[in-house]
PDB file of N, CA and C in Angstrom:
ATOM      1  N   MET A   1      24.098  21.306  15.553  1.00  0.00           N
ATOM      2  CA  MET A   1      25.189  20.590  14.915  1.00  0.00           C
ATOM      3  C   MET A   1      25.615  19.437  15.802  1.00  0.00           C
ATOM      4  N   CYS A   2      25.859  18.299  15.182  1.00  0.00           N
ATOM      5  CA  CYS A   2      26.270  17.105  15.919  1.00  0.00           C
ATOM      6  C   CYS A   2      27.785  17.098  16.083  1.00  0.00           C
ATOM      7  N   LEU A   3      28.244  16.829  17.292  1.00  0.00           N
ATOM      8  CA  LEU A   3      29.670  16.809  17.559  1.00  0.00           C
ATOM      9  C   LEU A   3      30.312  15.467  17.252  1.00  0.00           C
ATOM     10  N   PHE A   4      29.495  14.438  17.039  1.00  0.00           N
ATOM     11  CA  PHE A   4      30.019  13.100  16.819  1.00  0.00           C
ATOM     12  C   PHE A   4      29.733  12.653  15.394  1.00  0.00           C
ATOM     13  N   SER A   5      30.630  11.863  14.836  1.00  0.00           N
ATOM     14  CA  SER A   5      30.447  11.332  13.485  1.00  0.00           C
ATOM     15  C   SER A   5      30.078   9.856  13.583  1.00  0.00           C
ATOM     16  N   TYR A   6      28.963   9.496  12.976  1.00  0.00           N
ATOM     17  CA  TYR A   6      28.517   8.113  12.972  1.00  0.00           C
ATOM     18  C   TYR A   6      28.489   7.625  11.524  1.00  0.00           C
ATOM     19  N   ALA A   7      29.633   7.342  10.974  1.00  0.00           N
ATOM     20  CA  ALA A   7      29.735   6.965   9.568  1.00  0.00           C
ATOM     21  C   ALA A   7      29.019   5.657   9.267  1.00  0.00           C
ATOM     22  N   GLU A   8      28.913   4.766  10.255  1.00  0.00           N
ATOM     23  CA  GLU A   8      28.299   3.463  10.000  1.00  0.00           C
ATOM     24  C   GLU A   8      26.765   3.503  10.038  1.00  0.00           C
ATOM     25  N   ASP A   9      26.187   4.570  10.578  1.00  0.00           N
ATOM     26  CA  ASP A   9      24.733   4.681  10.656  1.00  0.00           C
ATOM     27  C   ASP A   9      24.180   5.253   9.354  1.00  0.00           C
ATOM     28  N   PRO A  10      23.261   4.522   8.707  1.00  0.00           N
ATOM     29  CA  PRO A  10      22.686   5.068   7.475  1.00  0.00           C
ATOM     30  C   PRO A  10      21.726   6.209   7.773  1.00  0.00           C
ATOM     31  N   ASP A  11      21.606   7.105   6.845  1.00  0.00           N
ATOM     32  CA  ASP A  11      20.634   8.188   6.941  1.00  0.00           C
ATOM     33  C   ASP A  11      19.251   7.587   6.736  1.00  0.00           C
ATOM     34  N   PRO A  12      18.296   7.825   7.638  1.00  0.00           N
ATOM     35  CA  PRO A  12      16.983   7.209   7.489  1.00  0.00           C
ATOM     36  C   PRO A  12      16.251   7.626   6.219  1.00  0.00           C
ATOM     37  N   ASP A  13      16.613   8.771   5.640  1.00  0.00           N
ATOM     38  CA  ASP A  13      15.970   9.200   4.400  1.00  0.00           C
ATOM     39  C   ASP A  13      16.549   8.499   3.171  1.00  0.00           C
ATOM     40  N   GLU A  14      17.684   7.860   3.327  1.00  0.00           N
ATOM     41  CA  GLU A  14      18.312   7.149   2.223  1.00  0.00           C
ATOM     42  C   GLU A  14      18.065   5.662   2.405  1.00  0.00           C
ATOM     43  N   GLN A  15      16.981   5.189   1.795  1.00  0.00           N
ATOM     44  CA  GLN A  15      16.615   3.788   1.952  1.00  0.00           C
ATOM     45  C   GLN A  15      17.226   2.953   0.842  1.00  0.00           C
ATOM     46  N   ALA A  16      17.531   1.722   1.167  1.00  0.00           N
ATOM     47  CA  ALA A  16      18.089   0.807   0.183  1.00  0.00           C
ATOM     48  C   ALA A  16      17.001   0.424  -0.819  1.00  0.00           C
ATOM     49  N   PRO A  17      17.378   0.116  -2.064  1.00  0.00           N
ATOM     50  CA  PRO A  17      16.381  -0.297  -3.045  1.00  0.00           C
ATOM     51  C   PRO A  17      15.628  -1.543  -2.571  1.00  0.00           C
ATOM     52  N   ALA A  18      14.347  -1.600  -2.876  1.00  0.00           N
ATOM     53  CA  ALA A  18      13.515  -2.705  -2.400  1.00  0.00           C
ATOM     54  C   ALA A  18      13.713  -3.970  -3.209  1.00  0.00           C
ATOM     55  N   GLY A  19      14.192  -3.878  -4.444  1.00  0.00           N
ATOM     56  CA  GLY A  19      14.385  -5.063  -5.271  1.00  0.00           C
ATOM     57  C   GLY A  19      13.071  -5.534  -5.869  1.00  0.00           C
ATOM     58  N   LEU A  20      12.935  -6.837  -6.062  1.00  0.00           N
ATOM     59  CA  LEU A  20      11.731  -7.415  -6.652  1.00  0.00           C
ATOM     60  C   LEU A  20      10.591  -7.414  -5.639  1.00  0.00           C
ATOM     61  N   LEU A  21       9.439  -6.921  -6.062  1.00  0.00           N
ATOM     62  CA  LEU A  21       8.277  -6.819  -5.182  1.00  0.00           C
ATOM     63  C   LEU A  21       7.086  -7.552  -5.775  1.00  0.00           C
ATOM     64  N   PHE A  22       6.225  -8.068  -4.921  1.00  0.00           N
ATOM     65  CA  PHE A  22       4.932  -8.608  -5.344  1.00  0.00           C
ATOM     66  C   PHE A  22       3.938  -7.466  -5.206  1.00  0.00           C
ATOM     67  N   VAL A  23       3.390  -7.035  -6.331  1.00  0.00           N
ATOM     68  CA  VAL A  23       2.550  -5.847  -6.380  1.00  0.00           C
ATOM     69  C   VAL A  23       1.096  -6.259  -6.603  1.00  0.00           C
ATOM     70  N   PRO A  24       0.178  -5.825  -5.720  1.00  0.00           N
ATOM     71  CA  PRO A  24      -1.236  -6.173  -5.871  1.00  0.00           C
ATOM     72  C   PRO A  24      -1.833  -5.582  -7.144  1.00  0.00           C
ATOM     73  N   VAL A  25      -2.602  -6.410  -7.852  1.00  0.00           N
ATOM     74  CA  VAL A  25      -3.285  -5.979  -9.071  1.00  0.00           C
ATOM     75  C   VAL A  25      -4.719  -6.492  -9.042  1.00  0.00           C
ATOM     76  N   ARG A  26      -5.541  -5.971  -9.941  1.00  0.00           N
ATOM     77  CA  ARG A  26      -6.893  -6.480 -10.130  1.00  0.00           C
ATOM     78  C   ARG A  26      -7.126  -6.626 -11.624  1.00  0.00           C
ATOM     79  N   THR A  27      -8.066  -7.470 -11.991  1.00  0.00           N
ATOM     80  CA  THR A  27      -8.367  -7.698 -13.394  1.00  0.00           C
ATOM     81  C   THR A  27      -9.582  -6.886 -13.796  1.00  0.00           C
ATOM     82  N   GLU A  28      -9.423  -6.098 -14.826  1.00  0.00           N
ATOM     83  CA  GLU A  28     -10.501  -5.284 -15.392  1.00  0.00           C
ATOM     84  C   GLU A  28     -10.742  -5.747 -16.822  1.00  0.00           C
ATOM     85  N   ALA A  29     -11.741  -5.180 -17.473  1.00  0.00           N
ATOM     86  CA  ALA A  29     -12.043  -5.541 -18.860  1.00  0.00           C
ATOM     87  C   ALA A  29     -10.852  -5.262 -19.775  1.00  0.00           C
ATOM     88  N   ALA A  30     -10.100  -4.202 -19.479  1.00  0.00           N
ATOM     89  CA  ALA A  30      -8.955  -3.824 -20.309  1.00  0.00           C
ATOM     90  C   ALA A  30      -7.717  -4.658 -20.009  1.00  0.00           C
ATOM     91  N   GLY A  31      -7.729  -5.427 -18.926  1.00  0.00           N
ATOM     92  CA  GLY A  31      -6.574  -6.240 -18.563  1.00  0.00           C
ATOM     93  C   GLY A  31      -6.218  -6.083 -17.094  1.00  0.00           C
ATOM     94  N   THR A  32      -4.976  -6.357 -16.776  1.00  0.00           N
ATOM     95  CA  THR A  32      -4.494  -6.269 -15.398  1.00  0.00           C
ATOM     96  C   THR A  32      -4.176  -4.823 -15.052  1.00  0.00           C
ATOM     97  N   VAL A  33      -4.660  -4.399 -13.872  1.00  0.00           N
ATOM     98  CA  VAL A  33      -4.510  -3.013 -13.430  1.00  0.00           C
ATOM     99  C   VAL A  33      -3.843  -2.992 -12.057  1.00  0.00           C
ATOM    100  N   LEU A  34      -2.889  -2.102 -11.895  1.00  0.00           N
ATOM    101  CA  LEU A  34      -2.188  -1.919 -10.630  1.00  0.00           C
ATOM    102  C   LEU A  34      -3.137  -1.365  -9.580  1.00  0.00           C
ATOM    103  N   ARG A  35      -3.138  -1.945  -8.389  1.00  0.00           N
ATOM    104  CA  ARG A  35      -3.935  -1.394  -7.292  1.00  0.00           C
ATOM    105  C   ARG A  35      -3.154  -0.287  -6.608  1.00  0.00           C
ATOM    106  N   VAL A  36      -3.829   0.811  -6.346  1.00  0.00           N
ATOM    107  CA  VAL A  36      -3.235   1.949  -5.640  1.00  0.00           C
ATOM    108  C   VAL A  36      -3.979   2.100  -4.325  1.00  0.00           C
ATOM    109  N   PHE A  37      -3.261   2.373  -3.268  1.00  0.00           N
ATOM    110  CA  PHE A  37      -3.838   2.475  -1.938  1.00  0.00           C
ATOM    111  C   PHE A  37      -3.698   3.903  -1.420  1.00  0.00           C
ATOM    112  N   ARG A  38      -4.213   4.127  -0.209  1.00  0.00           N
ATOM    113  CA  ARG A  38      -4.080   5.423   0.455  1.00  0.00           C
ATOM    114  C   ARG A  38      -3.469   5.217   1.836  1.00  0.00           C
ATOM    115  N   THR A  39      -2.659   6.193   2.241  1.00  0.00           N
ATOM    116  CA  THR A  39      -2.097   6.188   3.587  1.00  0.00           C
ATOM    117  C   THR A  39      -3.205   6.599   4.555  1.00  0.00           C
ATOM    118  N   PRO A  40      -3.004   6.466   5.866  1.00  0.00           N
ATOM    119  CA  PRO A  40      -4.021   6.917   6.823  1.00  0.00           C
ATOM    120  C   PRO A  40      -4.385   8.398   6.679  1.00  0.00           C
ATOM    121  N   LEU A  41      -3.487   9.200   6.117  1.00  0.00           N
ATOM    122  CA  LEU A  41      -3.776  10.619   5.918  1.00  0.00           C
ATOM    123  C   LEU A  41      -4.377  10.906   4.546  1.00  0.00           C
ATOM    124  N   GLY A  42      -4.626   9.863   3.752  1.00  0.00           N
ATOM    125  CA  GLY A  42      -5.290  10.022   2.471  1.00  0.00           C
ATOM    126  C   GLY A  42      -4.385  10.179   1.269  1.00  0.00           C
ATOM    127  N   GLU A  43      -3.075  10.122   1.448  1.00  0.00           N
ATOM    128  CA  GLU A  43      -2.142  10.260   0.325  1.00  0.00           C
ATOM    129  C   GLU A  43      -2.120   8.961  -0.485  1.00  0.00           C
ATOM    130  N   ARG A  44      -2.198   9.080  -1.809  1.00  0.00           N
ATOM    131  CA  ARG A  44      -2.153   7.909  -2.668  1.00  0.00           C
ATOM    132  C   ARG A  44      -0.756   7.314  -2.659  1.00  0.00           C
ATOM    133  N   THR A  45      -0.686   5.976  -2.622  1.00  0.00           N
ATOM    134  CA  THR A  45       0.599   5.309  -2.542  1.00  0.00           C
ATOM    135  C   THR A  45       0.575   3.986  -3.291  1.00  0.00           C
ATOM    136  N   ALA A  46       1.708   3.622  -3.847  1.00  0.00           N
ATOM    137  CA  ALA A  46       1.887   2.290  -4.408  1.00  0.00           C
ATOM    138  C   ALA A  46       2.302   1.368  -3.268  1.00  0.00           C
ATOM    139  N   VAL A  47       1.967   0.102  -3.393  1.00  0.00           N
ATOM    140  CA  VAL A  47       2.289  -0.869  -2.346  1.00  0.00           C
ATOM    141  C   VAL A  47       2.955  -2.077  -2.989  1.00  0.00           C
ATOM    142  N   GLY A  48       3.993  -2.578  -2.349  1.00  0.00           N
ATOM    143  CA  GLY A  48       4.666  -3.788  -2.792  1.00  0.00           C
ATOM    144  C   GLY A  48       5.059  -4.628  -1.600  1.00  0.00           C
ATOM    145  N   PHE A  49       5.181  -5.922  -1.825  1.00  0.00           N
ATOM    146  CA  PHE A  49       5.548  -6.850  -0.748  1.00  0.00           C
ATOM    147  C   PHE A  49       6.800  -7.605  -1.148  1.00  0.00           C
ATOM    148  N   SER A  50       7.711  -7.766  -0.201  1.00  0.00           N
ATOM    149  CA  SER A  50       8.969  -8.440  -0.478  1.00  0.00           C
ATOM    150  C   SER A  50       8.791  -9.948  -0.611  1.00  0.00           C
ATOM    151  N   ARG A  51       7.705 -10.487  -0.056  1.00  0.00           N
ATOM    152  CA  ARG A  51       7.415 -11.922  -0.152  1.00  0.00           C
ATOM    153  C   ARG A  51       5.923 -12.119  -0.405  1.00  0.00           C
ATOM    154  N   ARG A  52       5.593 -13.160  -1.139  1.00  0.00           N
ATOM    155  CA  ARG A  52       4.195 -13.454  -1.467  1.00  0.00           C
ATOM    156  C   ARG A  52       3.380 -13.741  -0.200  1.00  0.00           C
ATOM    157  N   ASP A  53       3.961 -14.429   0.781  1.00  0.00           N
ATOM    158  CA  ASP A  53       3.214 -14.763   2.002  1.00  0.00           C
ATOM    159  C   ASP A  53       2.852 -13.508   2.806  1.00  0.00           C
ATOM    160  N   LEU A  54       3.667 -12.458   2.730  1.00  0.00           N
ATOM    161  CA  LEU A  54       3.329 -11.204   3.413  1.00  0.00           C
ATOM    162  C   LEU A  54       2.139 -10.529   2.738  1.00  0.00           C
ATOM    163  N   LEU A  55       2.087 -10.601   1.408  1.00  0.00           N
ATOM    164  CA  LEU A  55       0.948 -10.056   0.675  1.00  0.00           C
ATOM    165  C   LEU A  55      -0.320 -10.804   1.052  1.00  0.00           C
ATOM    166  N   THR A  56      -0.245 -12.134   1.085  1.00  0.00           N
ATOM    167  CA  THR A  56      -1.406 -12.955   1.433  1.00  0.00           C
ATOM    168  C   THR A  56      -1.869 -12.681   2.857  1.00  0.00           C
ATOM    169  N   ALA A  57      -0.944 -12.527   3.786  1.00  0.00           N
ATOM    170  CA  ALA A  57      -1.309 -12.260   5.179  1.00  0.00           C
ATOM    171  C   ALA A  57      -2.001 -10.912   5.332  1.00  0.00           C
ATOM    172  N   THR A  58      -1.644  -9.940   4.510  1.00  0.00           N
ATOM    173  CA  THR A  58      -2.203  -8.600   4.627  1.00  0.00           C
ATOM    174  C   THR A  58      -3.476  -8.415   3.817  1.00  0.00           C
ATOM    175  N   LEU A  59      -3.491  -8.907   2.578  1.00  0.00           N
ATOM    176  CA  LEU A  59      -4.616  -8.640   1.674  1.00  0.00           C
ATOM    177  C   LEU A  59      -5.488  -9.860   1.387  1.00  0.00           C
ATOM    178  N   GLY A  60      -5.096 -11.030   1.865  1.00  0.00           N
ATOM    179  CA  GLY A  60      -5.909 -12.221   1.679  1.00  0.00           C
ATOM    180  C   GLY A  60      -5.403 -13.110   0.557  1.00  0.00           C
ATOM    181  N   ALA A  61      -5.832 -14.370   0.611  1.00  0.00           N
ATOM    182  CA  ALA A  61      -5.355 -15.377  -0.340  1.00  0.00           C
ATOM    183  C   ALA A  61      -5.844 -15.120  -1.761  1.00  0.00           C
ATOM    184  N   GLY A  62      -6.969 -14.434  -1.917  1.00  0.00           N
ATOM    185  CA  GLY A  62      -7.517 -14.190  -3.237  1.00  0.00           C
ATOM    186  C   GLY A  62      -6.917 -13.010  -3.974  1.00  0.00           C
ATOM    187  N   GLN A  63      -5.981 -12.307  -3.371  1.00  0.00           N
ATOM    188  CA  GLN A  63      -5.399 -11.116  -3.995  1.00  0.00           C
ATOM    189  C   GLN A  63      -4.403 -11.508  -5.073  1.00  0.00           C
ATOM    190  N   SER A  64      -4.638 -11.061  -6.294  1.00  0.00           N
ATOM    191  CA  SER A  64      -3.703 -11.297  -7.394  1.00  0.00           C
ATOM    192  C   SER A  64      -2.522 -10.347  -7.269  1.00  0.00           C
ATOM    193  N   ALA A  65      -1.376 -10.780  -7.776  1.00  0.00           N
ATOM    194  CA  ALA A  65      -0.177  -9.945  -7.723  1.00  0.00           C
ATOM    195  C   ALA A  65       0.727 -10.279  -8.891  1.00  0.00           C
ATOM    196  N   ILE A  66       1.557  -9.303  -9.258  1.00  0.00           N
ATOM    197  CA  ILE A  66       2.575  -9.524 -10.277  1.00  0.00           C
ATOM    198  C   ILE A  66       3.921  -9.129  -9.690  1.00  0.00           C
ATOM    199  N   PRO A  67       4.996  -9.784 -10.124  1.00  0.00           N
ATOM    200  CA  PRO A  67       6.328  -9.380  -9.659  1.00  0.00           C
ATOM    201  C   PRO A  67       6.821  -8.185 -10.470  1.00  0.00           C
ATOM    202  N   LEU A  68       7.274  -7.159  -9.782  1.00  0.00           N
ATOM    203  CA  LEU A  68       7.832  -5.974 -10.430  1.00  0.00           C
ATOM    204  C   LEU A  68       9.040  -5.504  -9.640  1.00  0.00           C
ATOM    205  N   ALA A  69      10.032  -5.013 -10.341  1.00  0.00           N
ATOM    206  CA  ALA A  69      11.164  -4.379  -9.677  1.00  0.00           C
ATOM    207  C   ALA A  69      10.726  -3.002  -9.200  1.00  0.00           C
ATOM    208  N   GLU A  70      11.340  -2.522  -8.144  1.00  0.00           N
ATOM    209  CA  GLU A  70      10.979  -1.213  -7.592  1.00  0.00           C
ATOM    210  C   GLU A  70      11.031  -0.097  -8.637  1.00  0.00           C
ATOM    211  N   PRO A  71      12.078  -0.009  -9.474  1.00  0.00           N
ATOM    212  CA  PRO A  71      12.092   1.070 -10.473  1.00  0.00           C
ATOM    213  C   PRO A  71      10.920   0.980 -11.458  1.00  0.00           C
ATOM    214  N   ALA A  72      10.515  -0.235 -11.813  1.00  0.00           N
ATOM    215  CA  ALA A  72       9.384  -0.396 -12.728  1.00  0.00           C
ATOM    216  C   ALA A  72       8.087   0.060 -12.071  1.00  0.00           C
ATOM    217  N   LEU A  73       7.904  -0.269 -10.800  1.00  0.00           N
ATOM    218  CA  LEU A  73       6.710   0.160 -10.078  1.00  0.00           C
ATOM    219  C   LEU A  73       6.667   1.681  -9.962  1.00  0.00           C
ATOM    220  N   ARG A  74       7.797   2.285  -9.661  1.00  0.00           N
ATOM    221  CA  ARG A  74       7.851   3.753  -9.576  1.00  0.00           C
ATOM    222  C   ARG A  74       7.579   4.399 -10.943  1.00  0.00           C
ATOM    223  N   ALA A  75       8.073   3.776 -12.009  1.00  0.00           N
ATOM    224  CA  ALA A  75       7.834   4.307 -13.355  1.00  0.00           C
ATOM    225  C   ALA A  75       6.354   4.223 -13.728  1.00  0.00           C
ATOM    226  N   LEU A  76       5.651   3.201 -13.264  1.00  0.00           N
ATOM    227  CA  LEU A  76       4.224   3.074 -13.548  1.00  0.00           C
ATOM    228  C   LEU A  76       3.381   4.086 -12.777  1.00  0.00           C
ATOM    229  N   THR A  77       3.794   4.403 -11.563  1.00  0.00           N
ATOM    230  CA  THR A  77       2.981   5.284 -10.726  1.00  0.00           C
ATOM    231  C   THR A  77       3.336   6.764 -10.859  1.00  0.00           C
ATOM    232  N   GLU A  78       4.516   7.062 -11.358  1.00  0.00           N
ATOM    233  CA  GLU A  78       4.939   8.464 -11.485  1.00  0.00           C
ATOM    234  C   GLU A  78       3.990   9.297 -12.362  1.00  0.00           C
ATOM    235  N   PRO A  79       3.540   8.796 -13.534  1.00  0.00           N
ATOM    236  CA  PRO A  79       2.620   9.610 -14.346  1.00  0.00           C
ATOM    237  C   PRO A  79       1.279   9.881 -13.646  1.00  0.00           C
ATOM    238  N   LEU A  80       0.960   9.094 -12.635  1.00  0.00           N
ATOM    239  CA  LEU A  80      -0.276   9.289 -11.872  1.00  0.00           C
ATOM    240  C   LEU A  80      -0.094  10.275 -10.725  1.00  0.00           C
ATOM    241  N   GLY A  81       1.120  10.786 -10.572  1.00  0.00           N
ATOM    242  CA  GLY A  81       1.405  11.724  -9.487  1.00  0.00           C
ATOM    243  C   GLY A  81       1.650  11.034  -8.157  1.00  0.00           C
ATOM    244  N   ILE A  82       1.944   9.748  -8.202  1.00  0.00           N
ATOM    245  CA  ILE A  82       2.193   8.975  -6.979  1.00  0.00           C
ATOM    246  C   ILE A  82       3.696   8.795  -6.829  1.00  0.00           C
ATOM    247  N   ASP A  83       4.250   9.386  -5.766  1.00  0.00           N
ATOM    248  CA  ASP A  83       5.689   9.253  -5.551  1.00  0.00           C
ATOM    249  C   ASP A  83       6.020   8.482  -4.277  1.00  0.00           C
ATOM    250  N   ARG A  84       5.005   8.002  -3.581  1.00  0.00           N
ATOM    251  CA  ARG A  84       5.222   7.241  -2.346  1.00  0.00           C
ATOM    252  C   ARG A  84       5.088   5.749  -2.636  1.00  0.00           C
ATOM    253  N   LEU A  85       6.000   4.968  -2.064  1.00  0.00           N
ATOM    254  CA  LEU A  85       5.964   3.516  -2.163  1.00  0.00           C
ATOM    255  C   LEU A  85       6.073   2.943  -0.761  1.00  0.00           C
ATOM    256  N   VAL A  86       5.108   2.138  -0.375  1.00  0.00           N
ATOM    257  CA  VAL A  86       5.133   1.472   0.929  1.00  0.00           C
ATOM    258  C   VAL A  86       5.449   0.003   0.683  1.00  0.00           C
ATOM    259  N   VAL A  87       6.501  -0.488   1.333  1.00  0.00           N
ATOM    260  CA  VAL A  87       6.903  -1.882   1.196  1.00  0.00           C
ATOM    261  C   VAL A  87       6.523  -2.630   2.468  1.00  0.00           C
ATOM    262  N   ASP A  88       5.868  -3.758   2.280  1.00  0.00           N
ATOM    263  CA  ASP A  88       5.446  -4.643   3.374  1.00  0.00           C
ATOM    264  C   ASP A  88       4.573  -3.943   4.420  1.00  0.00           C
ATOM    265  N   PRO A  89       3.476  -3.308   4.004  1.00  0.00           N
ATOM    266  CA  PRO A  89       2.581  -2.729   5.014  1.00  0.00           C
ATOM    267  C   PRO A  89       1.932  -3.850   5.816  1.00  0.00           C
ATOM    268  N   VAL A  90       1.639  -3.591   7.070  1.00  0.00           N
ATOM    269  CA  VAL A  90       1.049  -4.631   7.911  1.00  0.00           C
ATOM    270  C   VAL A  90      -0.354  -4.283   8.388  1.00  0.00           C
ATOM    271  N   LEU A  91      -0.787  -3.076   8.154  1.00  0.00           N
ATOM    272  CA  LEU A  91      -2.103  -2.673   8.631  1.00  0.00           C
ATOM    273  C   LEU A  91      -2.972  -2.288   7.451  1.00  0.00           C
ATOM    274  N   THR A  92      -4.140  -2.895   7.375  1.00  0.00           N
ATOM    275  CA  THR A  92      -5.117  -2.515   6.360  1.00  0.00           C
ATOM    276  C   THR A  92      -6.459  -2.361   7.046  1.00  0.00           C
ATOM    277  N   ALA A  93      -7.338  -1.647   6.416  1.00  0.00           N
ATOM    278  CA  ALA A  93      -8.681  -1.431   6.955  1.00  0.00           C
ATOM    279  C   ALA A  93      -9.689  -1.714   5.858  1.00  0.00           C
ATOM    280  N   PRO A  94     -10.893  -2.110   6.226  1.00  0.00           N
ATOM    281  CA  PRO A  94     -11.904  -2.347   5.196  1.00  0.00           C
ATOM    282  C   PRO A  94     -12.265  -1.055   4.481  1.00  0.00           C
ATOM    283  N   ALA A  95     -12.789  -1.197   3.289  1.00  0.00           N
ATOM    284  CA  ALA A  95     -13.192  -0.033   2.509  1.00  0.00           C
ATOM    285  C   ALA A  95     -14.288   0.736   3.237  1.00  0.00           C
ATOM    286  N   VAL A  96     -14.282   2.033   3.069  1.00  0.00           N
ATOM    287  CA  VAL A  96     -15.283   2.897   3.678  1.00  0.00           C
ATOM    288  C   VAL A  96     -16.596   2.727   2.926  1.00  0.00           C
ATOM    289  N   THR A  97     -17.684   2.572   3.672  1.00  0.00           N
ATOM    290  CA  THR A  97     -18.986   2.456   3.030  1.00  0.00           C
ATOM    291  C   THR A  97     -19.597   3.843   2.900  1.00  0.00           C
ATOM    292  N   THR A  98     -20.397   4.026   1.862  1.00  0.00           N
ATOM    293  CA  THR A  98     -20.994   5.334   1.633  1.00  0.00           C
ATOM    294  C   THR A  98     -22.397   5.433   2.214  1.00  0.00           C
ATOM    295  N   GLY A  99     -23.008   4.306   2.490  1.00  0.00           N
ATOM    296  CA  GLY A  99     -24.366   4.323   3.029  1.00  0.00           C
ATOM    297  C   GLY A  99     -24.367   4.443   4.535  1.00  0.00           C
ATOM    298  N   PRO A 100     -25.537   4.725   5.119  1.00  0.00           N
ATOM    299  CA  PRO A 100     -25.624   4.818   6.576  1.00  0.00           C
ATOM    300  C   PRO A 100     -25.445   3.450   7.221  1.00  0.00           C
ATOM    301  N   VAL A 101     -24.884   3.447   8.393  1.00  0.00           N
ATOM    302  CA  VAL A 101     -24.679   2.229   9.152  1.00  0.00           C
ATOM    303  C   VAL A 101     -25.653   2.229  10.322  1.00  0.00           C
ATOM    304  N   TYR A 102     -26.398   1.153  10.453  1.00  0.00           N
ATOM    305  CA  TYR A 102     -27.373   1.037  11.530  1.00  0.00           C
ATOM    306  C   TYR A 102     -26.976  -0.086  12.457  1.00  0.00           C
ATOM    307  N   ALA A 103     -27.038   0.155  13.737  1.00  0.00           N
ATOM    308  CA  ALA A 103     -26.780  -0.898  14.713  1.00  0.00           C
ATOM    309  C   ALA A 103     -28.012  -1.772  14.820  1.00  0.00           C
ATOM    310  N   ALA A 104     -27.831  -3.082  14.782  1.00  0.00           N
ATOM    311  CA  ALA A 104     -28.952  -4.016  14.792  1.00  0.00           C
ATOM    312  C   ALA A 104     -29.736  -3.948  16.100  1.00  0.00           C
ATOM    313  N   ASP A 105     -29.053  -3.681  17.206  1.00  0.00           N
ATOM    314  CA  ASP A 105     -29.700  -3.687  18.507  1.00  0.00           C
ATOM    315  C   ASP A 105     -30.114  -2.308  19.002  1.00  0.00           C
ATOM    316  N   ALA A 106     -29.847  -1.284  18.236  1.00  0.00           N
ATOM    317  CA  ALA A 106     -30.170   0.062  18.683  1.00  0.00           C
ATOM    318  C   ALA A 106     -31.676   0.304  18.575  1.00  0.00           C
ATOM    319  N   PRO A 107     -32.281   0.894  19.621  1.00  0.00           N
ATOM    320  CA  PRO A 107     -33.720   1.184  19.549  1.00  0.00           C
ATOM    321  C   PRO A 107     -33.995   2.319  18.572  1.00  0.00           C
ATOM    322  N   ALA A 108     -35.135   2.261  17.940  1.00  0.00           N
ATOM    323  CA  ALA A 108     -35.523   3.316  16.992  1.00  0.00           C
ATOM    324  C   ALA A 108     -35.843   4.575  17.770  1.00  0.00           C
ATOM    325  N   ARG A 109     -35.469   5.722  17.218  1.00  0.00           N
ATOM    326  CA  ARG A 109     -35.732   7.009  17.869  1.00  0.00           C
ATOM    327  C   ARG A 109     -36.668   7.834  16.997  1.00  0.00           C
ATOM    328  N   ALA A 110     -37.561   8.519  17.640  1.00  0.00           N
ATOM    329  CA  ALA A 110     -38.442   9.429  16.912  1.00  0.00           C
ATOM    330  C   ALA A 110     -37.718  10.751  16.713  1.00  0.00           C
ATOM    331  N   LEU A 111     -37.938  11.364  15.573  1.00  0.00           N
ATOM    332  CA  LEU A 111     -37.290  12.647  15.295  1.00  0.00           C
ATOM    333  C   LEU A 111     -38.069  13.780  15.822  1.00  0.00           C
TER     334      LEU A 111
END
């Protein structure tokens, strides 16, 4: 139990609404589709950016995006079982390849 009261400190679990977000999308035959990402632990998550330049810096200039309010983004992802929203992520990694990776300079080994 805490002996001191810190009324001015917000609870870290109670985050302020994100407001209008730039949400990454891709174009498919059926139309525009929301991009869903994964956290480093593999959990599916929606991603939004508070500014267009932050989206471009993270995902590149060619990434399409649509403006959505946070409640609208959550409403779109909830039926998919996605309840996590990451705003302004700064770290991305390239997609995992499924084929074997060979080092160009590695000598061939006999089995």
